[in-house]
Amino acid sequence: MLFVDECHLLSGELQGYVWGRTGERVEVPIVNERERQTYYGALDLLSKRLLVQAHENGNTTGTIEYLKCLQTQWPEQRLLILWDGASYHRSKELQAFLAQVNVGLDADA
């Protein structure tokens, strides 16, 4: 089971939020101070593993790219993805991708 979300760091931002261990400081270097930086992250609730990846944008294309990355990390497992209701999480393109990935799988398994 994976919690998946993306965040956007904007130039001039002094603080934000991230998922991390309580009591440990998380630092994210600002690569381009004039534009925003987008990161996708997934937290595996069972192993406590965190996988973060930079992307150009938080959109349908970036979401599909990140889901493909997750598939390579857990190739033999079905992934249960929990995320917020961003419009690109519900887009027709994403639904088509998920339908293709899940073709032939039992929805009740």
PDB file of N, CA and C in Angstrom:
ATOM      1  N   MET A   1       0.846  -1.162   0.000  1.00  0.00           N
ATOM      2  CA  MET A   1       0.000   0.000   0.000  1.00  0.00           C
ATOM      3  C   MET A   1       0.893   1.227   0.000  1.00  0.00           C
ATOM      4  N   LEU A   2       0.657   2.102  -0.965  1.00  0.00           N
ATOM      5  CA  LEU A   2       1.482   3.290  -1.125  1.00  0.00           C
ATOM      6  C   LEU A   2       0.645   4.557  -0.996  1.00  0.00           C
ATOM      7  N   PHE A   3       1.123   5.492  -0.190  1.00  0.00           N
ATOM      8  CA  PHE A   3       0.587   6.838  -0.209  1.00  0.00           C
ATOM      9  C   PHE A   3       1.419   7.600  -1.230  1.00  0.00           C
ATOM     10  N   VAL A   4       0.775   8.174  -2.241  1.00  0.00           N
ATOM     11  CA  VAL A   4       1.482   8.881  -3.305  1.00  0.00           C
ATOM     12  C   VAL A   4       0.987  10.316  -3.345  1.00  0.00           C
ATOM     13  N   ASP A   5       1.916  11.255  -3.461  1.00  0.00           N
ATOM     14  CA  ASP A   5       1.555  12.657  -3.601  1.00  0.00           C
ATOM     15  C   ASP A   5       2.690  13.375  -4.305  1.00  0.00           C
ATOM     16  N   GLU A   6       2.412  14.596  -4.714  1.00  0.00           N
ATOM     17  CA  GLU A   6       3.436  15.421  -5.321  1.00  0.00           C
ATOM     18  C   GLU A   6       3.454  16.754  -4.599  1.00  0.00           C
ATOM     19  N   CYS A   7       4.589  17.419  -4.664  1.00  0.00           N
ATOM     20  CA  CYS A   7       4.681  18.753  -4.074  1.00  0.00           C
ATOM     21  C   CYS A   7       5.425  19.642  -5.049  1.00  0.00           C
ATOM     22  N   HIS A   8       5.208  20.919  -4.901  1.00  0.00           N
ATOM     23  CA  HIS A   8       5.826  21.914  -5.772  1.00  0.00           C
ATOM     24  C   HIS A   8       6.569  22.914  -4.902  1.00  0.00           C
ATOM     25  N   LEU A   9       7.851  23.044  -5.127  1.00  0.00           N
ATOM     26  CA  LEU A   9       8.643  24.046  -4.427  1.00  0.00           C
ATOM     27  C   LEU A   9       8.757  25.261  -5.334  1.00  0.00           C
ATOM     28  N   LEU A  10       8.357  26.413  -4.815  1.00  0.00           N
ATOM     29  CA  LEU A  10       8.391  27.646  -5.592  1.00  0.00           C
ATOM     30  C   LEU A  10       9.539  28.516  -5.137  1.00  0.00           C
ATOM     31  N   SER A  11      10.068  29.293  -6.062  1.00  0.00           N
ATOM     32  CA  SER A  11      11.145  30.196  -5.674  1.00  0.00           C
ATOM     33  C   SER A  11      10.641  31.148  -4.601  1.00  0.00           C
ATOM     34  N   GLY A  12      11.491  31.442  -3.644  1.00  0.00           N
ATOM     35  CA  GLY A  12      11.134  32.349  -2.575  1.00  0.00           C
ATOM     36  C   GLY A  12      10.434  31.698  -1.400  1.00  0.00           C
ATOM     37  N   GLU A  13      10.089  30.424  -1.512  1.00  0.00           N
ATOM     38  CA  GLU A  13       9.443  29.759  -0.390  1.00  0.00           C
ATOM     39  C   GLU A  13      10.473  29.451   0.687  1.00  0.00           C
ATOM     40  N   LEU A  14      10.143  29.758   1.891  1.00  0.00           N
ATOM     41  CA  LEU A  14      11.054  29.519   2.998  1.00  0.00           C
ATOM     42  C   LEU A  14      10.736  28.238   3.739  1.00  0.00           C
ATOM     43  N   GLN A  15       9.501  27.804   3.652  1.00  0.00           N
ATOM     44  CA  GLN A  15       9.145  26.579   4.353  1.00  0.00           C
ATOM     45  C   GLN A  15       8.028  25.875   3.609  1.00  0.00           C
ATOM     46  N   GLY A  16       7.853  24.632   3.946  1.00  0.00           N
ATOM     47  CA  GLY A  16       6.814  23.822   3.331  1.00  0.00           C
ATOM     48  C   GLY A  16       6.591  22.604   4.186  1.00  0.00           C
ATOM     49  N   TYR A  17       6.068  21.553   3.593  1.00  0.00           N
ATOM     50  CA  TYR A  17       5.863  20.324   4.342  1.00  0.00           C
ATOM     51  C   TYR A  17       6.356  19.145   3.524  1.00  0.00           C
ATOM     52  N   VAL A  18       6.800  18.135   4.195  1.00  0.00           N
ATOM     53  CA  VAL A  18       7.216  16.890   3.560  1.00  0.00           C
ATOM     54  C   VAL A  18       6.859  15.751   4.495  1.00  0.00           C
ATOM     55  N   TRP A  19       6.868  14.550   3.956  1.00  0.00           N
ATOM     56  CA  TRP A  19       6.735  13.368   4.789  1.00  0.00           C
ATOM     57  C   TRP A  19       8.120  12.948   5.206  1.00  0.00           C
ATOM     58  N   GLY A  20       8.312  12.685   6.445  1.00  0.00           N
ATOM     59  CA  GLY A  20       9.611  12.229   6.928  1.00  0.00           C
ATOM     60  C   GLY A  20       9.488  11.725   8.345  1.00  0.00           C
ATOM     61  N   ARG A  21      10.585  11.268   8.875  1.00  0.00           N
ATOM     62  CA  ARG A  21      10.604  10.766  10.247  1.00  0.00           C
ATOM     63  C   ARG A  21      10.481  11.928  11.229  1.00  0.00           C
ATOM     64  N   THR A  22       9.715  11.715  12.269  1.00  0.00           N
ATOM     65  CA  THR A  22       9.543  12.723  13.301  1.00  0.00           C
ATOM     66  C   THR A  22      10.893  13.028  13.936  1.00  0.00           C
ATOM     67  N   GLY A  23      11.181  14.297  14.096  1.00  0.00           N
ATOM     68  CA  GLY A  23      12.412  14.704  14.751  1.00  0.00           C
ATOM     69  C   GLY A  23      13.628  14.765  13.840  1.00  0.00           C
ATOM     70  N   GLU A  24      13.482  14.401  12.549  1.00  0.00           N
ATOM     71  CA  GLU A  24      14.613  14.474  11.617  1.00  0.00           C
ATOM     72  C   GLU A  24      14.371  15.588  10.617  1.00  0.00           C
ATOM     73  N   ARG A  25      15.376  16.412  10.418  1.00  0.00           N
ATOM     74  CA  ARG A  25      15.280  17.521   9.475  1.00  0.00           C
ATOM     75  C   ARG A  25      15.422  16.993   8.045  1.00  0.00           C
ATOM     76  N   VAL A  26      14.552  17.459   7.161  1.00  0.00           N
ATOM     77  CA  VAL A  26      14.598  17.089   5.751  1.00  0.00           C
ATOM     78  C   VAL A  26      14.958  18.340   4.969  1.00  0.00           C
ATOM     79  N   GLU A  27      16.037  18.289   4.205  1.00  0.00           N
ATOM     80  CA  GLU A  27      16.455  19.429   3.400  1.00  0.00           C
ATOM     81  C   GLU A  27      16.310  19.086   1.925  1.00  0.00           C
ATOM     82  N   VAL A  28      15.753  20.029   1.171  1.00  0.00           N
ATOM     83  CA  VAL A  28      15.595  19.870  -0.271  1.00  0.00           C
ATOM     84  C   VAL A  28      16.276  21.054  -0.932  1.00  0.00           C
ATOM     85  N   PRO A  29      17.363  20.828  -1.673  1.00  0.00           N
ATOM     86  CA  PRO A  29      18.042  21.952  -2.315  1.00  0.00           C
ATOM     87  C   PRO A  29      17.190  22.557  -3.427  1.00  0.00           C
ATOM     88  N   ILE A  30      17.216  23.868  -3.554  1.00  0.00           N
ATOM     89  CA  ILE A  30      16.509  24.561  -4.619  1.00  0.00           C
ATOM     90  C   ILE A  30      17.424  24.576  -5.837  1.00  0.00           C
ATOM     91  N   VAL A  31      17.007  23.890  -6.892  1.00  0.00           N
ATOM     92  CA  VAL A  31      17.824  23.758  -8.094  1.00  0.00           C
ATOM     93  C   VAL A  31      17.671  24.981  -8.987  1.00  0.00           C
ATOM     94  N   ASN A  32      16.443  25.430  -9.171  1.00  0.00           N
ATOM     95  CA  ASN A  32      16.184  26.570 -10.038  1.00  0.00           C
ATOM     96  C   ASN A  32      15.329  27.561  -9.262  1.00  0.00           C
ATOM     97  N   GLU A  33      15.908  28.648  -8.815  1.00  0.00           N
ATOM     98  CA  GLU A  33      15.196  29.590  -7.956  1.00  0.00           C
ATOM     99  C   GLU A  33      14.142  30.402  -8.705  1.00  0.00           C
ATOM    100  N   ARG A  34      14.147  30.371 -10.029  1.00  0.00           N
ATOM    101  CA  ARG A  34      13.182  31.158 -10.799  1.00  0.00           C
ATOM    102  C   ARG A  34      11.922  30.379 -11.144  1.00  0.00           C
ATOM    103  N   GLU A  35      11.975  29.092 -11.090  1.00  0.00           N
ATOM    104  CA  GLU A  35      10.834  28.271 -11.457  1.00  0.00           C
ATOM    105  C   GLU A  35      10.513  27.313 -10.330  1.00  0.00           C
ATOM    106  N   ARG A  36       9.355  26.692 -10.419  1.00  0.00           N
ATOM    107  CA  ARG A  36       9.018  25.730  -9.381  1.00  0.00           C
ATOM    108  C   ARG A  36       9.593  24.363  -9.708  1.00  0.00           C
ATOM    109  N   GLN A  37       9.835  23.620  -8.679  1.00  0.00           N
ATOM    110  CA  GLN A  37      10.324  22.252  -8.792  1.00  0.00           C
ATOM    111  C   GLN A  37       9.206  21.331  -8.314  1.00  0.00           C
ATOM    112  N   THR A  38       8.980  20.252  -9.041  1.00  0.00           N
ATOM    113  CA  THR A  38       7.932  19.297  -8.690  1.00  0.00           C
ATOM    114  C   THR A  38       8.565  17.972  -8.334  1.00  0.00           C
ATOM    115  N   TYR A  39       8.104  17.410  -7.238  1.00  0.00           N
ATOM    116  CA  TYR A  39       8.575  16.106  -6.782  1.00  0.00           C
ATOM    117  C   TYR A  39       7.376  15.202  -6.527  1.00  0.00           C
ATOM    118  N   TYR A  40       7.495  13.958  -6.966  1.00  0.00           N
ATOM    119  CA  TYR A  40       6.522  12.929  -6.620  1.00  0.00           C
ATOM    120  C   TYR A  40       7.152  12.059  -5.548  1.00  0.00           C
ATOM    121  N   GLY A  41       6.338  11.609  -4.622  1.00  0.00           N
ATOM    122  CA  GLY A  41       6.841  10.738  -3.569  1.00  0.00           C
ATOM    123  C   GLY A  41       5.830   9.670  -3.228  1.00  0.00           C
ATOM    124  N   ALA A  42       6.327   8.505  -2.834  1.00  0.00           N
ATOM    125  CA  ALA A  42       5.473   7.399  -2.409  1.00  0.00           C
ATOM    126  C   ALA A  42       6.036   6.823  -1.118  1.00  0.00           C
ATOM    127  N   LEU A  43       5.157   6.628  -0.170  1.00  0.00           N
ATOM    128  CA  LEU A  43       5.527   6.021   1.097  1.00  0.00           C
ATOM    129  C   LEU A  43       4.875   4.655   1.183  1.00  0.00           C
ATOM    130  N   ASP A  44       5.710   3.612   1.276  1.00  0.00           N
ATOM    131  CA  ASP A  44       5.235   2.242   1.435  1.00  0.00           C
ATOM    132  C   ASP A  44       4.955   2.027   2.918  1.00  0.00           C
ATOM    133  N   LEU A  45       3.698   1.825   3.247  1.00  0.00           N
ATOM    134  CA  LEU A  45       3.315   1.712   4.655  1.00  0.00           C
ATOM    135  C   LEU A  45       3.893   0.473   5.322  1.00  0.00           C
ATOM    136  N   LEU A  46       4.111  -0.599   4.569  1.00  0.00           N
ATOM    137  CA  LEU A  46       4.607  -1.826   5.179  1.00  0.00           C
ATOM    138  C   LEU A  46       6.108  -1.784   5.444  1.00  0.00           C
ATOM    139  N   SER A  47       6.879  -1.372   4.444  1.00  0.00           N
ATOM    140  CA  SER A  47       8.338  -1.383   4.587  1.00  0.00           C
ATOM    141  C   SER A  47       8.888  -0.063   5.117  1.00  0.00           C
ATOM    142  N   LYS A  48       8.054   0.969   5.124  1.00  0.00           N
ATOM    143  CA  LYS A  48       8.453   2.333   5.520  1.00  0.00           C
ATOM    144  C   LYS A  48       9.448   2.938   4.517  1.00  0.00           C
ATOM    145  N   ARG A  49       9.483   2.393   3.318  1.00  0.00           N
ATOM    146  CA  ARG A  49      10.363   2.878   2.262  1.00  0.00           C
ATOM    147  C   ARG A  49       9.735   4.107   1.601  1.00  0.00           C
ATOM    148  N   LEU A  50      10.554   5.111   1.320  1.00  0.00           N
ATOM    149  CA  LEU A  50      10.110   6.337   0.665  1.00  0.00           C
ATOM    150  C   LEU A  50      10.848   6.470  -0.657  1.00  0.00           C
ATOM    151  N   LEU A  51      10.116   6.693  -1.723  1.00  0.00           N
ATOM    152  CA  LEU A  51      10.713   6.855  -3.042  1.00  0.00           C
ATOM    153  C   LEU A  51      10.304   8.216  -3.586  1.00  0.00           C
ATOM    154  N   VAL A  52      11.285   9.109  -3.787  1.00  0.00           N
ATOM    155  CA  VAL A  52      11.037  10.466  -4.266  1.00  0.00           C
ATOM    156  C   VAL A  52      11.708  10.635  -5.617  1.00  0.00           C
ATOM    157  N   GLN A  53      11.004  11.325  -6.525  1.00  0.00           N
ATOM    158  CA  GLN A  53      11.542  11.534  -7.870  1.00  0.00           C
ATOM    159  C   GLN A  53      11.128  12.919  -8.370  1.00  0.00           C
ATOM    160  N   ALA A  54      12.068  13.650  -8.941  1.00  0.00           N
ATOM    161  CA  ALA A  54      11.778  14.968  -9.509  1.00  0.00           C
ATOM    162  C   ALA A  54      11.110  14.810 -10.872  1.00  0.00           C
ATOM    163  N   HIS A  55      10.174  15.708 -11.162  1.00  0.00           N
ATOM    164  CA  HIS A  55       9.489  15.738 -12.458  1.00  0.00           C
ATOM    165  C   HIS A  55       9.339  17.174 -12.906  1.00  0.00           C
ATOM    166  N   GLU A  56       9.138  17.358 -14.212  1.00  0.00           N
ATOM    167  CA  GLU A  56       8.970  18.717 -14.732  1.00  0.00           C
ATOM    168  C   GLU A  56       7.696  19.359 -14.232  1.00  0.00           C
ATOM    169  N   ASN A  57       6.603  18.579 -14.186  1.00  0.00           N
ATOM    170  CA  ASN A  57       5.305  19.123 -13.807  1.00  0.00           C
ATOM    171  C   ASN A  57       4.521  18.103 -12.999  1.00  0.00           C
ATOM    172  N   GLY A  58       3.569  18.603 -12.250  1.00  0.00           N
ATOM    173  CA  GLY A  58       2.595  17.734 -11.611  1.00  0.00           C
ATOM    174  C   GLY A  58       1.365  17.717 -12.495  1.00  0.00           C
ATOM    175  N   ASN A  59       1.267  16.723 -13.355  1.00  0.00           N
ATOM    176  CA  ASN A  59       0.153  16.620 -14.289  1.00  0.00           C
ATOM    177  C   ASN A  59      -0.057  15.151 -14.650  1.00  0.00           C
ATOM    178  N   THR A  60      -0.938  14.874 -15.583  1.00  0.00           N
ATOM    179  CA  THR A  60      -1.214  13.487 -15.968  1.00  0.00           C
ATOM    180  C   THR A  60       0.043  12.796 -16.468  1.00  0.00           C
ATOM    181  N   THR A  61       0.811  13.462 -17.315  1.00  0.00           N
ATOM    182  CA  THR A  61       2.028  12.851 -17.870  1.00  0.00           C
ATOM    183  C   THR A  61       3.017  12.510 -16.758  1.00  0.00           C
ATOM    184  N   GLY A  62       3.263  13.450 -15.853  1.00  0.00           N
ATOM    185  CA  GLY A  62       4.170  13.190 -14.741  1.00  0.00           C
ATOM    186  C   GLY A  62       3.670  12.086 -13.836  1.00  0.00           C
ATOM    187  N   THR A  63       2.361  12.052 -13.615  1.00  0.00           N
ATOM    188  CA  THR A  63       1.775  11.023 -12.759  1.00  0.00           C
ATOM    189  C   THR A  63       1.951   9.646 -13.374  1.00  0.00           C
ATOM    190  N   ILE A  64       1.707   9.518 -14.672  1.00  0.00           N
ATOM    191  CA  ILE A  64       1.885   8.228 -15.351  1.00  0.00           C
ATOM    192  C   ILE A  64       3.353   7.816 -15.333  1.00  0.00           C
ATOM    193  N   GLU A  65       4.258   8.755 -15.574  1.00  0.00           N
ATOM    194  CA  GLU A  65       5.693   8.445 -15.519  1.00  0.00           C
ATOM    195  C   GLU A  65       6.074   7.926 -14.135  1.00  0.00           C
ATOM    196  N   TYR A  66       5.543   8.563 -13.108  1.00  0.00           N
ATOM    197  CA  TYR A  66       5.881   8.142 -11.747  1.00  0.00           C
ATOM    198  C   TYR A  66       5.279   6.780 -11.428  1.00  0.00           C
ATOM    199  N   LEU A  67       4.070   6.524 -11.885  1.00  0.00           N
ATOM    200  CA  LEU A  67       3.475   5.199 -11.674  1.00  0.00           C
ATOM    201  C   LEU A  67       4.295   4.111 -12.360  1.00  0.00           C
ATOM    202  N   LYS A  68       4.818   4.406 -13.537  1.00  0.00           N
ATOM    203  CA  LYS A  68       5.694   3.444 -14.224  1.00  0.00           C
ATOM    204  C   LYS A  68       6.961   3.199 -13.406  1.00  0.00           C
ATOM    205  N   CYS A  69       7.501   4.258 -12.804  1.00  0.00           N
ATOM    206  CA  CYS A  69       8.669   4.116 -11.934  1.00  0.00           C
ATOM    207  C   CYS A  69       8.341   3.197 -10.758  1.00  0.00           C
ATOM    208  N   LEU A  70       7.170   3.389 -10.145  1.00  0.00           N
ATOM    209  CA  LEU A  70       6.765   2.542  -9.026  1.00  0.00           C
ATOM    210  C   LEU A  70       6.625   1.088  -9.454  1.00  0.00           C
ATOM    211  N   GLN A  71       6.121   0.874 -10.664  1.00  0.00           N
ATOM    212  CA  GLN A  71       5.997  -0.498 -11.172  1.00  0.00           C
ATOM    213  C   GLN A  71       7.366  -1.177 -11.286  1.00  0.00           C
ATOM    214  N   THR A  72       8.390  -0.420 -11.642  1.00  0.00           N
ATOM    215  CA  THR A  72       9.725  -1.019 -11.743  1.00  0.00           C
ATOM    216  C   THR A  72      10.303  -1.342 -10.366  1.00  0.00           C
ATOM    217  N   GLN A  73       9.868  -0.607  -9.345  1.00  0.00           N
ATOM    218  CA  GLN A  73      10.357  -0.839  -7.990  1.00  0.00           C
ATOM    219  C   GLN A  73       9.690  -2.051  -7.341  1.00  0.00           C
ATOM    220  N   TRP A  74       8.452  -2.316  -7.714  1.00  0.00           N
ATOM    221  CA  TRP A  74       7.699  -3.447  -7.173  1.00  0.00           C
ATOM    222  C   TRP A  74       7.101  -4.226  -8.353  1.00  0.00           C
ATOM    223  N   PRO A  75       7.958  -4.875  -9.178  1.00  0.00           N
ATOM    224  CA  PRO A  75       7.491  -5.453 -10.446  1.00  0.00           C
ATOM    225  C   PRO A  75       6.519  -6.633 -10.303  1.00  0.00           C
ATOM    226  N   GLU A  76       6.602  -7.384  -9.263  1.00  0.00           N
ATOM    227  CA  GLU A  76       5.765  -8.576  -9.118  1.00  0.00           C
ATOM    228  C   GLU A  76       4.580  -8.351  -8.187  1.00  0.00           C
ATOM    229  N   GLN A  77       4.318  -7.114  -7.814  1.00  0.00           N
ATOM    230  CA  GLN A  77       3.255  -6.839  -6.856  1.00  0.00           C
ATOM    231  C   GLN A  77       2.187  -5.942  -7.466  1.00  0.00           C
ATOM    232  N   ARG A  78       0.968  -6.170  -7.013  1.00  0.00           N
ATOM    233  CA  ARG A  78      -0.106  -5.224  -7.333  1.00  0.00           C
ATOM    234  C   ARG A  78       0.035  -4.066  -6.356  1.00  0.00           C
ATOM    235  N   LEU A  79      -0.114  -2.867  -6.856  1.00  0.00           N
ATOM    236  CA  LEU A  79       0.057  -1.682  -6.026  1.00  0.00           C
ATOM    237  C   LEU A  79      -1.301  -1.073  -5.704  1.00  0.00           C
ATOM    238  N   LEU A  80      -1.505  -0.777  -4.454  1.00  0.00           N
ATOM    239  CA  LEU A  80      -2.678  -0.036  -4.014  1.00  0.00           C
ATOM    240  C   LEU A  80      -2.207   1.389  -3.764  1.00  0.00           C
ATOM    241  N   ILE A  81      -2.697   2.312  -4.586  1.00  0.00           N
ATOM    242  CA  ILE A  81      -2.259   3.703  -4.534  1.00  0.00           C
ATOM    243  C   ILE A  81      -3.343   4.536  -3.851  1.00  0.00           C
ATOM    244  N   LEU A  82      -2.951   5.275  -2.824  1.00  0.00           N
ATOM    245  CA  LEU A  82      -3.847   6.211  -2.150  1.00  0.00           C
ATOM    246  C   LEU A  82      -3.337   7.613  -2.428  1.00  0.00           C
ATOM    247  N   TRP A  83      -4.192   8.460  -3.013  1.00  0.00           N
ATOM    248  CA  TRP A  83      -3.781   9.827  -3.278  1.00  0.00           C
ATOM    249  C   TRP A  83      -4.959  10.771  -3.143  1.00  0.00           C
ATOM    250  N   ASP A  84      -4.665  12.065  -3.273  1.00  0.00           N
ATOM    251  CA  ASP A  84      -5.715  13.062  -3.128  1.00  0.00           C
ATOM    252  C   ASP A  84      -6.527  13.149  -4.419  1.00  0.00           C
ATOM    253  N   GLY A  85      -7.424  14.098  -4.480  1.00  0.00           N
ATOM    254  CA  GLY A  85      -8.334  14.186  -5.618  1.00  0.00           C
ATOM    255  C   GLY A  85      -7.918  15.163  -6.698  1.00  0.00           C
ATOM    256  N   ALA A  86      -6.615  15.326  -6.919  1.00  0.00           N
ATOM    257  CA  ALA A  86      -6.157  16.234  -7.980  1.00  0.00           C
ATOM    258  C   ALA A  86      -6.790  15.816  -9.309  1.00  0.00           C
ATOM    259  N   SER A  87      -7.125  16.781 -10.140  1.00  0.00           N
ATOM    260  CA  SER A  87      -7.822  16.490 -11.402  1.00  0.00           C
ATOM    261  C   SER A  87      -7.036  15.531 -12.287  1.00  0.00           C
ATOM    262  N   TYR A  88      -5.709  15.653 -12.302  1.00  0.00           N
ATOM    263  CA  TYR A  88      -4.922  14.759 -13.156  1.00  0.00           C
ATOM    264  C   TYR A  88      -4.816  13.352 -12.583  1.00  0.00           C
ATOM    265  N   HIS A  89      -5.234  13.139 -11.350  1.00  0.00           N
ATOM    266  CA  HIS A  89      -5.326  11.776 -10.805  1.00  0.00           C
ATOM    267  C   HIS A  89      -6.580  11.068 -11.318  1.00  0.00           C
ATOM    268  N   ARG A  90      -7.507  11.841 -11.887  1.00  0.00           N
ATOM    269  CA  ARG A  90      -8.770  11.287 -12.374  1.00  0.00           C
ATOM    270  C   ARG A  90      -8.934  11.466 -13.882  1.00  0.00           C
ATOM    271  N   SER A  91      -7.907  11.905 -14.567  1.00  0.00           N
ATOM    272  CA  SER A  91      -8.027  12.229 -15.992  1.00  0.00           C
ATOM    273  C   SER A  91      -8.330  10.980 -16.829  1.00  0.00           C
ATOM    274  N   LYS A  92      -8.882  11.221 -18.005  1.00  0.00           N
ATOM    275  CA  LYS A  92      -9.187  10.117 -18.924  1.00  0.00           C
ATOM    276  C   LYS A  92      -7.914   9.385 -19.344  1.00  0.00           C
ATOM    277  N   GLU A  93      -6.828  10.131 -19.540  1.00  0.00           N
ATOM    278  CA  GLU A  93      -5.557   9.510 -19.937  1.00  0.00           C
ATOM    279  C   GLU A  93      -5.048   8.583 -18.830  1.00  0.00           C
ATOM    280  N   LEU A  94      -5.165   9.017 -17.582  1.00  0.00           N
ATOM    281  CA  LEU A  94      -4.717   8.181 -16.469  1.00  0.00           C
ATOM    282  C   LEU A  94      -5.611   6.959 -16.331  1.00  0.00           C
ATOM    283  N   GLN A  95      -6.918   7.142 -16.480  1.00  0.00           N
ATOM    284  CA  GLN A  95      -7.836   6.007 -16.420  1.00  0.00           C
ATOM    285  C   GLN A  95      -7.517   4.990 -17.512  1.00  0.00           C
ATOM    286  N   ALA A  96      -7.181   5.470 -18.711  1.00  0.00           N
ATOM    287  CA  ALA A  96      -6.817   4.571 -19.814  1.00  0.00           C
ATOM    288  C   ALA A  96      -5.531   3.821 -19.482  1.00  0.00           C
ATOM    289  N   PHE A  97      -4.543   4.520 -18.909  1.00  0.00           N
ATOM    290  CA  PHE A  97      -3.285   3.869 -18.514  1.00  0.00           C
ATOM    291  C   PHE A  97      -3.559   2.767 -17.495  1.00  0.00           C
ATOM    292  N   LEU A  98      -4.348   3.084 -16.467  1.00  0.00           N
ATOM    293  CA  LEU A  98      -4.648   2.095 -15.423  1.00  0.00           C
ATOM    294  C   LEU A  98      -5.437   0.914 -15.979  1.00  0.00           C
ATOM    295  N   ALA A  99      -6.358   1.184 -16.915  1.00  0.00           N
ATOM    296  CA  ALA A  99      -7.102   0.093 -17.546  1.00  0.00           C
ATOM    297  C   ALA A  99      -6.167  -0.832 -18.296  1.00  0.00           C
ATOM    298  N   GLN A 100      -5.175  -0.263 -18.982  1.00  0.00           N
ATOM    299  CA  GLN A 100      -4.206  -1.060 -19.731  1.00  0.00           C
ATOM    300  C   GLN A 100      -3.325  -1.877 -18.780  1.00  0.00           C
ATOM    301  N   VAL A 101      -2.881  -1.268 -17.689  1.00  0.00           N
ATOM    302  CA  VAL A 101      -2.036  -1.950 -16.714  1.00  0.00           C
ATOM    303  C   VAL A 101      -2.774  -3.100 -16.055  1.00  0.00           C
ATOM    304  N   ASN A 102      -4.058  -2.910 -15.812  1.00  0.00           N
ATOM    305  CA  ASN A 102      -4.842  -3.884 -15.060  1.00  0.00           C
ATOM    306  C   ASN A 102      -5.641  -4.853 -15.931  1.00  0.00           C
ATOM    307  N   VAL A 103      -5.431  -4.816 -17.252  1.00  0.00           N
ATOM    308  CA  VAL A 103      -6.178  -5.704 -18.127  1.00  0.00           C
ATOM    309  C   VAL A 103      -5.942  -7.167 -17.737  1.00  0.00           C
ATOM    310  N   GLY A 104      -7.019  -7.897 -17.613  1.00  0.00           N
ATOM    311  CA  GLY A 104      -6.918  -9.321 -17.273  1.00  0.00           C
ATOM    312  C   GLY A 104      -6.794  -9.624 -15.793  1.00  0.00           C
ATOM    313  N   LEU A 105      -6.686  -8.608 -14.953  1.00  0.00           N
ATOM    314  CA  LEU A 105      -6.572  -8.839 -13.508  1.00  0.00           C
ATOM    315  C   LEU A 105      -7.956  -8.852 -12.875  1.00  0.00           C
ATOM    316  N   ASP A 106      -8.121  -9.684 -11.879  1.00  0.00           N
ATOM    317  CA  ASP A 106      -9.375  -9.766 -11.146  1.00  0.00           C
ATOM    318  C   ASP A 106      -9.479  -8.569 -10.198  1.00  0.00           C
ATOM    319  N   ALA A 107     -10.519  -7.757 -10.372  1.00  0.00           N
ATOM    320  CA  ALA A 107     -10.691  -6.555  -9.561  1.00  0.00           C
ATOM    321  C   ALA A 107     -10.921  -6.890  -8.089  1.00  0.00           C
ATOM    322  N   ASP A 108     -11.389  -8.084  -7.797  1.00  0.00           N
ATOM    323  CA  ASP A 108     -11.689  -8.467  -6.418  1.00  0.00           C
ATOM    324  C   ASP A 108     -10.497  -9.141  -5.708  1.00  0.00           C
ATOM    325  N   ALA A 109      -9.414  -9.395  -6.440  1.00  0.00           N
ATOM    326  CA  ALA A 109      -8.265 -10.096  -5.849  1.00  0.00           C
ATOM    327  C   ALA A 109      -7.403  -9.177  -5.028  1.00  0.00           C
TER     328      ALA A 109
END
